[in-house]
Amino acid sequence: LCRLYGEIERSGRDPESALARISVVRADVKVASPAELGIEPNSLGAIITSPPYLCMADYTLGQRLSYELLCPDEMEADFKAEIGKRRSRFRGEEAVEEYRAAMVNFARLASQCIRKDGFVATVLGTPTAKQFASWNAMNEFDEVLSQYAFEKVWEVVRPINWHRNHGYSRLSTERVSVHRFHAK
């Protein structure tokens, strides 16, 4: 924080007023609204996110130590609510349907939050398990976003280097994409 404070000062801005504009909001994308996020509808310039990679990681369990130190009573509920968790991989089509519903909810919420000509930038990987081999998560995500007035304007597929693979042994690439919101 001290380093960030110093960088803000060196750029000629007042650190206290710059940092006062920052907020961290914890919300469930499946049910959130702009009001719950503390923002005016269609006021954000961008959302930058990395949706969960379907059935490839248990993100909550991966943060067990943080939960134990910061909020031990919340881990079980967060794990249960987690989208696309690895433990769902044995549920096949049911897991895909839940993931699809979460993608729709994200697109709906993004369309309520992003201003006209704003952007959604995502980093997303395609599941590697055999039961999901025929499903193209990235294309479907693009289609869902387009139904909510988002147009893909840029993408790049990048390699995942071994040092940040985190156990996704068969996942070798992920896609970074940017979609522009064309308000109705």
N, C-alpha and C. Protein backbone atom coordinates (compact mmCIF):
# COMPACT_ATOMS: atom_id res chain seq x y z
N LEU A 1 0.83 -1.19 0.00
CA LEU A 1 0.00 0.00 0.00
C LEU A 1 0.88 1.25 0.00
N CYS A 2 1.97 1.21 0.74
CA CYS A 2 2.88 2.36 0.77
C CYS A 2 3.43 2.65 -0.61
N ARG A 3 3.77 1.59 -1.34
CA ARG A 3 4.31 1.76 -2.69
C ARG A 3 3.27 2.39 -3.62
N LEU A 4 2.03 1.90 -3.55
CA LEU A 4 0.94 2.46 -4.35
C LEU A 4 0.72 3.93 -3.99
N TYR A 5 0.71 4.22 -2.72
CA TYR A 5 0.54 5.58 -2.23
C TYR A 5 1.60 6.49 -2.83
N GLY A 6 2.87 6.02 -2.79
CA GLY A 6 3.98 6.79 -3.35
C GLY A 6 3.86 7.00 -4.85
N GLU A 7 3.43 5.96 -5.58
CA GLU A 7 3.25 6.08 -7.03
C GLU A 7 2.17 7.10 -7.37
N ILE A 8 1.11 7.11 -6.59
CA ILE A 8 0.04 8.09 -6.82
C ILE A 8 0.57 9.50 -6.57
N GLU A 9 1.31 9.68 -5.50
CA GLU A 9 1.90 10.99 -5.20
C GLU A 9 2.83 11.46 -6.31
N ARG A 10 3.70 10.55 -6.79
CA ARG A 10 4.65 10.91 -7.84
C ARG A 10 3.95 11.28 -9.15
N SER A 11 2.74 10.78 -9.36
CA SER A 11 2.01 11.12 -10.59
C SER A 11 1.31 12.47 -10.47
N GLY A 12 1.46 13.13 -9.31
CA GLY A 12 0.88 14.46 -9.13
C GLY A 12 -0.55 14.45 -8.61
N ARG A 13 -1.04 13.27 -8.21
CA ARG A 13 -2.41 13.20 -7.68
C ARG A 13 -2.38 13.09 -6.17
N ASP A 14 -3.49 13.44 -5.55
CA ASP A 14 -3.63 13.32 -4.11
C ASP A 14 -3.98 11.87 -3.76
N PRO A 15 -3.11 11.16 -3.05
CA PRO A 15 -3.36 9.75 -2.76
C PRO A 15 -4.65 9.50 -1.99
N GLU A 16 -4.96 10.35 -1.04
CA GLU A 16 -6.16 10.13 -0.24
C GLU A 16 -7.43 10.20 -1.09
N SER A 17 -7.52 11.19 -1.97
CA SER A 17 -8.73 11.29 -2.81
C SER A 17 -8.74 10.19 -3.87
N ALA A 18 -7.57 9.82 -4.40
CA ALA A 18 -7.51 8.74 -5.39
C ALA A 18 -7.93 7.41 -4.77
N LEU A 19 -7.42 7.12 -3.58
CA LEU A 19 -7.75 5.86 -2.92
C LEU A 19 -9.17 5.84 -2.38
N ALA A 20 -9.74 7.00 -2.10
CA ALA A 20 -11.12 7.06 -1.61
C ALA A 20 -12.12 6.63 -2.70
N ARG A 21 -11.70 6.69 -3.95
CA ARG A 21 -12.57 6.29 -5.06
C ARG A 21 -12.63 4.76 -5.24
N ILE A 22 -11.75 4.04 -4.56
CA ILE A 22 -11.66 2.59 -4.71
C ILE A 22 -12.58 1.91 -3.71
N SER A 23 -13.27 0.89 -4.18
CA SER A 23 -14.07 0.08 -3.27
C SER A 23 -13.97 -1.38 -3.71
N VAL A 24 -14.07 -2.25 -2.75
CA VAL A 24 -14.10 -3.68 -3.02
C VAL A 24 -15.48 -4.16 -2.60
N VAL A 25 -16.17 -4.77 -3.53
CA VAL A 25 -17.53 -5.24 -3.27
C VAL A 25 -17.56 -6.75 -3.47
N ARG A 26 -18.10 -7.43 -2.54
CA ARG A 26 -18.25 -8.88 -2.64
C ARG A 26 -19.71 -9.16 -2.98
N ALA A 27 -19.93 -9.75 -4.14
CA ALA A 27 -21.29 -10.00 -4.59
C ALA A 27 -21.34 -11.28 -5.40
N ASP A 28 -22.49 -11.88 -5.45
CA ASP A 28 -22.72 -13.10 -6.22
C ASP A 28 -23.26 -12.70 -7.59
N VAL A 29 -22.48 -12.95 -8.64
CA VAL A 29 -22.86 -12.55 -9.99
C VAL A 29 -24.19 -13.18 -10.42
N LYS A 30 -24.57 -14.26 -9.78
CA LYS A 30 -25.81 -14.93 -10.15
C LYS A 30 -27.04 -14.14 -9.76
N VAL A 31 -26.91 -13.23 -8.79
CA VAL A 31 -28.08 -12.49 -8.32
C VAL A 31 -27.82 -10.99 -8.13
N ALA A 32 -26.63 -10.52 -8.41
CA ALA A 32 -26.26 -9.12 -8.12
C ALA A 32 -26.98 -8.14 -9.04
N SER A 33 -27.02 -6.90 -8.59
CA SER A 33 -27.58 -5.80 -9.36
C SER A 33 -26.63 -4.61 -9.25
N PRO A 34 -26.75 -3.62 -10.14
CA PRO A 34 -25.89 -2.44 -10.00
C PRO A 34 -26.02 -1.79 -8.61
N ALA A 35 -27.24 -1.73 -8.09
CA ALA A 35 -27.43 -1.12 -6.77
C ALA A 35 -26.68 -1.89 -5.69
N GLU A 36 -26.72 -3.22 -5.74
CA GLU A 36 -26.00 -4.03 -4.77
C GLU A 36 -24.49 -3.81 -4.87
N LEU A 37 -24.03 -3.52 -6.08
CA LEU A 37 -22.61 -3.26 -6.29
C LEU A 37 -22.24 -1.83 -5.90
N GLY A 38 -23.24 -1.00 -5.61
CA GLY A 38 -22.98 0.37 -5.19
C GLY A 38 -22.67 1.30 -6.35
N ILE A 39 -23.20 0.99 -7.54
CA ILE A 39 -22.95 1.83 -8.72
C ILE A 39 -24.26 2.22 -9.38
N GLU A 40 -24.20 3.30 -10.14
CA GLU A 40 -25.35 3.71 -10.94
C GLU A 40 -25.44 2.78 -12.15
N PRO A 41 -26.65 2.44 -12.59
CA PRO A 41 -26.77 1.60 -13.79
C PRO A 41 -26.05 2.23 -14.99
N ASN A 42 -25.43 1.39 -15.77
CA ASN A 42 -24.73 1.78 -16.99
C ASN A 42 -23.75 2.93 -16.78
N SER A 43 -22.94 2.81 -15.71
CA SER A 43 -21.99 3.87 -15.40
C SER A 43 -20.53 3.43 -15.48
N LEU A 44 -20.27 2.14 -15.59
CA LEU A 44 -18.88 1.67 -15.63
C LEU A 44 -18.29 1.75 -17.03
N GLY A 45 -17.03 2.10 -17.10
CA GLY A 45 -16.34 2.11 -18.38
C GLY A 45 -15.86 0.74 -18.79
N ALA A 46 -15.57 -0.13 -17.80
CA ALA A 46 -15.06 -1.45 -18.13
C ALA A 46 -15.21 -2.41 -16.96
N ILE A 47 -15.29 -3.68 -17.31
CA ILE A 47 -15.19 -4.78 -16.36
C ILE A 47 -14.05 -5.64 -16.87
N ILE A 48 -13.11 -5.96 -16.00
CA ILE A 48 -12.00 -6.85 -16.36
C ILE A 48 -12.10 -8.05 -15.42
N THR A 49 -12.24 -9.24 -15.99
CA THR A 49 -12.47 -10.41 -15.17
C THR A 49 -11.92 -11.68 -15.81
N SER A 50 -11.75 -12.67 -14.99
CA SER A 50 -11.39 -14.00 -15.46
C SER A 50 -12.41 -14.96 -14.88
N PRO A 51 -13.45 -15.27 -15.66
CA PRO A 51 -14.46 -16.21 -15.15
C PRO A 51 -13.81 -17.55 -14.81
N PRO A 52 -14.42 -18.30 -13.91
CA PRO A 52 -13.86 -19.62 -13.59
C PRO A 52 -13.76 -20.49 -14.84
N TYR A 53 -12.75 -21.30 -14.89
CA TYR A 53 -12.59 -22.27 -15.98
C TYR A 53 -13.38 -23.50 -15.54
N LEU A 54 -14.38 -23.88 -16.31
CA LEU A 54 -15.31 -24.94 -15.92
C LEU A 54 -14.60 -26.21 -15.48
N CYS A 55 -14.91 -26.63 -14.25
CA CYS A 55 -14.47 -27.91 -13.67
C CYS A 55 -12.96 -28.11 -13.68
N MET A 56 -12.22 -27.02 -13.55
CA MET A 56 -10.76 -27.15 -13.58
C MET A 56 -10.10 -26.79 -12.25
N ALA A 57 -10.78 -26.07 -11.39
CA ALA A 57 -10.18 -25.68 -10.11
C ALA A 57 -11.27 -25.46 -9.08
N ASP A 58 -10.93 -25.70 -7.84
CA ASP A 58 -11.79 -25.32 -6.72
C ASP A 58 -11.16 -24.06 -6.13
N TYR A 59 -11.60 -22.91 -6.62
CA TYR A 59 -10.97 -21.64 -6.25
C TYR A 59 -11.08 -21.37 -4.75
N THR A 60 -12.23 -21.65 -4.18
CA THR A 60 -12.42 -21.40 -2.75
C THR A 60 -11.47 -22.28 -1.94
N LEU A 61 -11.43 -23.57 -2.26
CA LEU A 61 -10.55 -24.47 -1.52
C LEU A 61 -9.09 -24.09 -1.70
N GLY A 62 -8.77 -23.51 -2.84
CA GLY A 62 -7.40 -23.06 -3.09
C GLY A 62 -6.99 -21.89 -2.21
N GLN A 63 -7.97 -21.26 -1.58
CA GLN A 63 -7.70 -20.12 -0.69
C GLN A 63 -7.98 -20.47 0.77
N ARG A 64 -7.85 -21.75 1.11
CA ARG A 64 -8.18 -22.21 2.48
C ARG A 64 -7.48 -21.41 3.56
N LEU A 65 -6.21 -21.14 3.39
CA LEU A 65 -5.47 -20.42 4.42
C LEU A 65 -6.01 -19.00 4.59
N SER A 66 -6.29 -18.34 3.48
CA SER A 66 -6.86 -16.99 3.56
C SER A 66 -8.20 -17.01 4.27
N TYR A 67 -9.03 -17.97 3.94
CA TYR A 67 -10.32 -18.09 4.63
C TYR A 67 -10.11 -18.33 6.12
N GLU A 68 -9.20 -19.23 6.45
CA GLU A 68 -8.95 -19.55 7.86
C GLU A 68 -8.53 -18.30 8.63
N LEU A 69 -7.72 -17.45 8.01
CA LEU A 69 -7.22 -16.25 8.67
C LEU A 69 -8.22 -15.10 8.67
N LEU A 70 -8.96 -14.94 7.58
CA LEU A 70 -9.78 -13.74 7.41
C LEU A 70 -11.27 -13.95 7.66
N CYS A 71 -11.80 -15.06 7.23
CA CYS A 71 -13.26 -15.25 7.34
C CYS A 71 -13.60 -16.74 7.38
N PRO A 72 -13.21 -17.44 8.43
CA PRO A 72 -13.37 -18.89 8.49
C PRO A 72 -14.82 -19.37 8.38
N ASP A 73 -15.76 -18.56 8.78
CA ASP A 73 -17.17 -18.98 8.74
C ASP A 73 -17.79 -18.87 7.35
N GLU A 74 -17.07 -18.29 6.39
CA GLU A 74 -17.65 -18.06 5.07
C GLU A 74 -17.20 -19.07 4.01
N MET A 75 -16.20 -19.87 4.29
CA MET A 75 -15.64 -20.76 3.28
C MET A 75 -16.66 -21.77 2.77
N GLU A 76 -17.40 -22.41 3.65
CA GLU A 76 -18.34 -23.44 3.21
C GLU A 76 -19.41 -22.88 2.28
N ALA A 77 -19.98 -21.73 2.63
CA ALA A 77 -21.01 -21.12 1.79
C ALA A 77 -20.42 -20.67 0.45
N ASP A 78 -19.22 -20.11 0.47
CA ASP A 78 -18.60 -19.67 -0.77
C ASP A 78 -18.28 -20.84 -1.68
N PHE A 79 -17.82 -21.94 -1.10
CA PHE A 79 -17.52 -23.12 -1.91
C PHE A 79 -18.79 -23.67 -2.55
N LYS A 80 -19.85 -23.69 -1.80
CA LYS A 80 -21.13 -24.20 -2.33
C LYS A 80 -21.63 -23.32 -3.47
N ALA A 81 -21.43 -22.01 -3.38
CA ALA A 81 -21.92 -21.07 -4.40
C ALA A 81 -20.97 -20.93 -5.58
N GLU A 82 -19.76 -21.47 -5.48
CA GLU A 82 -18.75 -21.29 -6.52
C GLU A 82 -19.22 -21.81 -7.88
N ILE A 83 -18.96 -21.02 -8.91
CA ILE A 83 -19.35 -21.36 -10.28
C ILE A 83 -18.27 -22.25 -10.90
N GLY A 84 -18.69 -23.36 -11.49
CA GLY A 84 -17.78 -24.20 -12.26
C GLY A 84 -16.70 -24.93 -11.49
N LYS A 85 -16.91 -25.17 -10.21
CA LYS A 85 -15.86 -25.78 -9.40
C LYS A 85 -15.45 -27.17 -9.92
N ARG A 86 -14.21 -27.51 -9.68
CA ARG A 86 -13.63 -28.78 -10.15
C ARG A 86 -14.43 -29.98 -9.66
N ARG A 87 -14.92 -29.91 -8.47
CA ARG A 87 -15.67 -31.04 -7.89
C ARG A 87 -16.95 -31.31 -8.66
N SER A 88 -17.36 -30.41 -9.55
CA SER A 88 -18.56 -30.61 -10.38
C SER A 88 -18.28 -31.43 -11.63
N ARG A 89 -17.03 -31.75 -11.89
CA ARG A 89 -16.66 -32.38 -13.16
C ARG A 89 -17.33 -33.73 -13.37
N PHE A 90 -17.76 -34.37 -12.32
CA PHE A 90 -18.41 -35.67 -12.47
C PHE A 90 -19.91 -35.53 -12.72
N ARG A 91 -20.40 -34.30 -12.74
CA ARG A 91 -21.83 -34.06 -12.95
C ARG A 91 -22.14 -33.74 -14.41
N GLY A 92 -21.15 -33.78 -15.29
CA GLY A 92 -21.31 -33.66 -16.74
C GLY A 92 -22.20 -32.53 -17.20
N GLU A 93 -23.30 -32.88 -17.89
CA GLU A 93 -24.19 -31.88 -18.49
C GLU A 93 -24.81 -30.96 -17.45
N GLU A 94 -25.07 -31.46 -16.26
CA GLU A 94 -25.62 -30.61 -15.20
C GLU A 94 -24.63 -29.50 -14.85
N ALA A 95 -23.35 -29.81 -14.79
CA ALA A 95 -22.32 -28.80 -14.52
C ALA A 95 -22.27 -27.78 -15.64
N VAL A 96 -22.38 -28.24 -16.89
CA VAL A 96 -22.37 -27.32 -18.04
C VAL A 96 -23.58 -26.39 -17.97
N GLU A 97 -24.75 -26.92 -17.67
CA GLU A 97 -25.96 -26.10 -17.60
C GLU A 97 -25.86 -25.04 -16.51
N GLU A 98 -25.32 -25.40 -15.36
CA GLU A 98 -25.11 -24.41 -14.29
C GLU A 98 -24.13 -23.33 -14.73
N TYR A 99 -23.09 -23.74 -15.43
CA TYR A 99 -22.09 -22.79 -15.92
C TYR A 99 -22.71 -21.86 -16.96
N ARG A 100 -23.50 -22.42 -17.87
CA ARG A 100 -24.20 -21.60 -18.87
C ARG A 100 -25.08 -20.55 -18.20
N ALA A 101 -25.83 -20.98 -17.19
CA ALA A 101 -26.71 -20.05 -16.47
C ALA A 101 -25.88 -18.93 -15.83
N ALA A 102 -24.73 -19.27 -15.29
CA ALA A 102 -23.87 -18.25 -14.68
C ALA A 102 -23.35 -17.29 -15.74
N MET A 103 -23.01 -17.79 -16.94
CA MET A 103 -22.56 -16.91 -18.02
C MET A 103 -23.67 -15.93 -18.42
N VAL A 104 -24.89 -16.41 -18.49
CA VAL A 104 -26.03 -15.55 -18.82
C VAL A 104 -26.21 -14.49 -17.74
N ASN A 105 -26.12 -14.89 -16.48
CA ASN A 105 -26.26 -13.93 -15.39
C ASN A 105 -25.16 -12.88 -15.42
N PHE A 106 -23.94 -13.29 -15.73
CA PHE A 106 -22.84 -12.33 -15.85
C PHE A 106 -23.12 -11.34 -16.97
N ALA A 107 -23.53 -11.83 -18.15
CA ALA A 107 -23.80 -10.96 -19.29
C ALA A 107 -24.93 -9.98 -18.98
N ARG A 108 -25.97 -10.47 -18.30
CA ARG A 108 -27.08 -9.61 -17.90
C ARG A 108 -26.60 -8.51 -16.98
N LEU A 109 -25.84 -8.88 -15.96
CA LEU A 109 -25.34 -7.89 -15.00
C LEU A 109 -24.39 -6.91 -15.68
N ALA A 110 -23.51 -7.40 -16.53
CA ALA A 110 -22.58 -6.51 -17.24
C ALA A 110 -23.34 -5.50 -18.08
N SER A 111 -24.42 -5.95 -18.74
CA SER A 111 -25.20 -5.03 -19.59
C SER A 111 -25.92 -3.97 -18.76
N GLN A 112 -26.13 -4.25 -17.49
CA GLN A 112 -26.76 -3.27 -16.60
C GLN A 112 -25.74 -2.31 -16.00
N CYS A 113 -24.47 -2.70 -16.03
CA CYS A 113 -23.42 -1.91 -15.38
C CYS A 113 -22.58 -1.08 -16.34
N ILE A 114 -22.32 -1.61 -17.53
CA ILE A 114 -21.42 -0.95 -18.49
C ILE A 114 -22.15 0.16 -19.24
N ARG A 115 -21.47 1.29 -19.41
CA ARG A 115 -22.04 2.39 -20.17
C ARG A 115 -21.90 2.11 -21.67
N LYS A 116 -22.64 2.85 -22.48
CA LYS A 116 -22.56 2.70 -23.93
C LYS A 116 -21.11 2.84 -24.39
N ASP A 117 -20.68 1.93 -25.23
CA ASP A 117 -19.32 1.85 -25.76
C ASP A 117 -18.27 1.53 -24.70
N GLY A 118 -18.71 1.01 -23.55
CA GLY A 118 -17.79 0.50 -22.54
C GLY A 118 -17.34 -0.91 -22.91
N PHE A 119 -16.50 -1.51 -22.09
CA PHE A 119 -15.88 -2.78 -22.45
C PHE A 119 -15.97 -3.82 -21.35
N VAL A 120 -15.99 -5.08 -21.78
CA VAL A 120 -15.80 -6.22 -20.89
C VAL A 120 -14.58 -6.96 -21.42
N ALA A 121 -13.57 -7.10 -20.59
CA ALA A 121 -12.36 -7.84 -20.96
C ALA A 121 -12.31 -9.10 -20.11
N THR A 122 -12.06 -10.24 -20.75
CA THR A 122 -12.04 -11.51 -20.02
C THR A 122 -10.83 -12.34 -20.39
N VAL A 123 -10.45 -13.18 -19.46
CA VAL A 123 -9.45 -14.23 -19.70
C VAL A 123 -10.19 -15.53 -19.42
N LEU A 124 -10.22 -16.42 -20.40
CA LEU A 124 -11.02 -17.64 -20.26
C LEU A 124 -10.32 -18.83 -20.91
N GLY A 125 -10.42 -19.97 -20.27
CA GLY A 125 -9.88 -21.22 -20.82
C GLY A 125 -11.01 -22.19 -21.07
N THR A 126 -10.78 -23.13 -21.96
CA THR A 126 -11.77 -24.16 -22.27
C THR A 126 -11.47 -25.39 -21.44
N PRO A 127 -12.50 -26.00 -20.84
CA PRO A 127 -12.26 -27.20 -20.03
C PRO A 127 -11.59 -28.31 -20.84
N THR A 128 -10.73 -29.06 -20.18
CA THR A 128 -9.97 -30.09 -20.87
C THR A 128 -10.47 -31.51 -20.62
N ALA A 129 -11.38 -31.70 -19.69
CA ALA A 129 -11.88 -33.04 -19.38
C ALA A 129 -12.61 -33.63 -20.60
N LYS A 130 -12.51 -34.94 -20.76
CA LYS A 130 -13.10 -35.62 -21.93
C LYS A 130 -14.59 -35.35 -22.07
N GLN A 131 -15.33 -35.31 -20.96
CA GLN A 131 -16.77 -35.10 -21.05
C GLN A 131 -17.16 -33.72 -21.56
N PHE A 132 -16.19 -32.78 -21.61
CA PHE A 132 -16.48 -31.44 -22.11
C PHE A 132 -15.76 -31.15 -23.43
N ALA A 133 -15.15 -32.15 -24.02
CA ALA A 133 -14.32 -31.96 -25.22
C ALA A 133 -15.08 -31.36 -26.40
N SER A 134 -16.35 -31.66 -26.53
CA SER A 134 -17.11 -31.17 -27.68
C SER A 134 -17.73 -29.79 -27.44
N TRP A 135 -17.59 -29.26 -26.23
CA TRP A 135 -18.21 -27.98 -25.89
C TRP A 135 -17.19 -26.86 -26.00
N ASN A 136 -17.50 -25.82 -26.76
CA ASN A 136 -16.60 -24.69 -26.90
C ASN A 136 -17.09 -23.55 -26.01
N ALA A 137 -16.55 -23.50 -24.80
CA ALA A 137 -16.98 -22.52 -23.81
C ALA A 137 -16.77 -21.09 -24.30
N MET A 138 -15.68 -20.85 -25.01
CA MET A 138 -15.38 -19.48 -25.45
C MET A 138 -16.38 -19.00 -26.50
N ASN A 139 -16.70 -19.83 -27.47
CA ASN A 139 -17.69 -19.43 -28.48
C ASN A 139 -19.06 -19.19 -27.84
N GLU A 140 -19.42 -20.07 -26.93
CA GLU A 140 -20.72 -19.90 -26.27
C GLU A 140 -20.74 -18.63 -25.42
N PHE A 141 -19.64 -18.33 -24.75
CA PHE A 141 -19.56 -17.10 -23.96
C PHE A 141 -19.72 -15.88 -24.87
N ASP A 142 -19.09 -15.91 -26.04
CA ASP A 142 -19.23 -14.82 -27.01
C ASP A 142 -20.69 -14.67 -27.45
N GLU A 143 -21.36 -15.79 -27.70
CA GLU A 143 -22.77 -15.75 -28.12
C GLU A 143 -23.66 -15.17 -27.04
N VAL A 144 -23.42 -15.57 -25.80
CA VAL A 144 -24.21 -15.04 -24.69
C VAL A 144 -23.99 -13.53 -24.57
N LEU A 145 -22.74 -13.09 -24.63
CA LEU A 145 -22.48 -11.66 -24.56
C LEU A 145 -23.15 -10.91 -25.71
N SER A 146 -23.15 -11.49 -26.90
CA SER A 146 -23.78 -10.81 -28.05
C SER A 146 -25.29 -10.66 -27.85
N GLN A 147 -25.91 -11.60 -27.14
CA GLN A 147 -27.34 -11.49 -26.85
C GLN A 147 -27.64 -10.31 -25.93
N TYR A 148 -26.63 -9.83 -25.23
CA TYR A 148 -26.77 -8.69 -24.33
C TYR A 148 -26.07 -7.45 -24.88
N ALA A 149 -25.94 -7.39 -26.20
CA ALA A 149 -25.44 -6.21 -26.93
C ALA A 149 -23.93 -5.98 -26.79
N PHE A 150 -23.16 -7.04 -26.57
CA PHE A 150 -21.71 -6.94 -26.55
C PHE A 150 -21.15 -7.53 -27.84
N GLU A 151 -20.25 -6.79 -28.44
CA GLU A 151 -19.61 -7.23 -29.69
C GLU A 151 -18.12 -7.45 -29.43
N LYS A 152 -17.62 -8.63 -29.84
CA LYS A 152 -16.20 -8.89 -29.66
C LYS A 152 -15.41 -8.00 -30.61
N VAL A 153 -14.44 -7.26 -30.04
CA VAL A 153 -13.63 -6.35 -30.86
C VAL A 153 -12.16 -6.76 -30.92
N TRP A 154 -11.76 -7.69 -30.03
CA TRP A 154 -10.36 -8.10 -30.03
C TRP A 154 -10.23 -9.39 -29.24
N GLU A 155 -9.28 -10.24 -29.67
CA GLU A 155 -8.96 -11.43 -28.91
C GLU A 155 -7.56 -11.90 -29.26
N VAL A 156 -6.96 -12.61 -28.33
CA VAL A 156 -5.68 -13.26 -28.56
C VAL A 156 -5.67 -14.54 -27.72
N VAL A 157 -5.19 -15.60 -28.31
CA VAL A 157 -5.01 -16.84 -27.56
C VAL A 157 -3.55 -16.87 -27.14
N ARG A 158 -3.33 -17.04 -25.86
CA ARG A 158 -1.96 -17.00 -25.35
C ARG A 158 -1.62 -18.30 -24.64
N PRO A 159 -0.35 -18.65 -24.67
CA PRO A 159 0.06 -19.88 -23.98
C PRO A 159 0.06 -19.68 -22.47
N ILE A 160 -0.20 -20.76 -21.77
CA ILE A 160 -0.08 -20.75 -20.31
C ILE A 160 1.27 -21.36 -19.99
N ASN A 161 2.15 -20.58 -19.43
CA ASN A 161 3.48 -21.05 -19.09
C ASN A 161 3.41 -22.02 -17.92
N TRP A 162 4.30 -22.98 -17.89
CA TRP A 162 4.26 -24.03 -16.88
C TRP A 162 4.29 -23.48 -15.46
N HIS A 163 4.97 -22.35 -15.22
CA HIS A 163 5.10 -21.84 -13.86
C HIS A 163 3.82 -21.21 -13.33
N ARG A 164 2.83 -20.96 -14.19
CA ARG A 164 1.56 -20.45 -13.68
C ARG A 164 0.40 -21.37 -14.04
N ASN A 165 0.70 -22.60 -14.35
CA ASN A 165 -0.31 -23.55 -14.77
C ASN A 165 -1.20 -24.01 -13.62
N HIS A 166 -0.73 -24.03 -12.41
CA HIS A 166 -1.51 -24.36 -11.21
C HIS A 166 -2.29 -25.67 -11.32
N GLY A 167 -1.69 -26.67 -11.92
CA GLY A 167 -2.34 -27.97 -11.97
C GLY A 167 -3.23 -28.20 -13.18
N TYR A 168 -3.35 -27.22 -14.05
CA TYR A 168 -4.15 -27.42 -15.26
C TYR A 168 -3.26 -28.12 -16.29
N SER A 169 -2.79 -29.29 -15.98
CA SER A 169 -1.72 -29.91 -16.76
C SER A 169 -2.02 -30.01 -18.25
N ARG A 170 -3.27 -30.17 -18.62
CA ARG A 170 -3.57 -30.28 -20.05
C ARG A 170 -4.00 -28.96 -20.68
N LEU A 171 -4.19 -27.93 -19.88
CA LEU A 171 -4.58 -26.63 -20.41
C LEU A 171 -3.32 -25.87 -20.80
N SER A 172 -3.15 -25.67 -22.09
CA SER A 172 -1.92 -25.03 -22.56
C SER A 172 -2.15 -23.61 -23.06
N THR A 173 -3.42 -23.23 -23.30
CA THR A 173 -3.71 -21.88 -23.76
C THR A 173 -4.97 -21.35 -23.08
N GLU A 174 -5.10 -20.05 -23.13
CA GLU A 174 -6.31 -19.36 -22.68
C GLU A 174 -6.52 -18.16 -23.58
N ARG A 175 -7.73 -17.66 -23.60
CA ARG A 175 -8.03 -16.55 -24.50
C ARG A 175 -8.28 -15.27 -23.71
N VAL A 176 -7.68 -14.20 -24.18
CA VAL A 176 -7.97 -12.87 -23.66
C VAL A 176 -8.83 -12.20 -24.73
N SER A 177 -9.98 -11.67 -24.33
CA SER A 177 -10.87 -11.04 -25.31
C SER A 177 -11.45 -9.75 -24.74
N VAL A 178 -11.84 -8.88 -25.65
CA VAL A 178 -12.47 -7.61 -25.28
C VAL A 178 -13.75 -7.49 -26.09
N HIS A 179 -14.83 -7.17 -25.38
CA HIS A 179 -16.15 -6.98 -26.02
C HIS A 179 -16.62 -5.54 -25.71
N ARG A 180 -17.16 -4.87 -26.73
CA ARG A 180 -17.70 -3.51 -26.56
C ARG A 180 -19.22 -3.59 -26.41
N PHE A 181 -19.74 -2.78 -25.50
CA PHE A 181 -21.19 -2.74 -25.23
C PHE A 181 -21.85 -1.70 -26.13
N HIS A 182 -22.80 -2.16 -26.91
CA HIS A 182 -23.60 -1.27 -27.76
C HIS A 182 -24.99 -1.20 -27.15
N ALA A 183 -25.19 -0.21 -26.29
CA ALA A 183 -26.47 -0.06 -25.58
C ALA A 183 -27.62 0.04 -26.55
N LYS A 184 -28.73 -0.46 -26.10
CA LYS A 184 -29.95 -0.46 -26.93
C LYS A 184 -30.56 0.92 -27.02
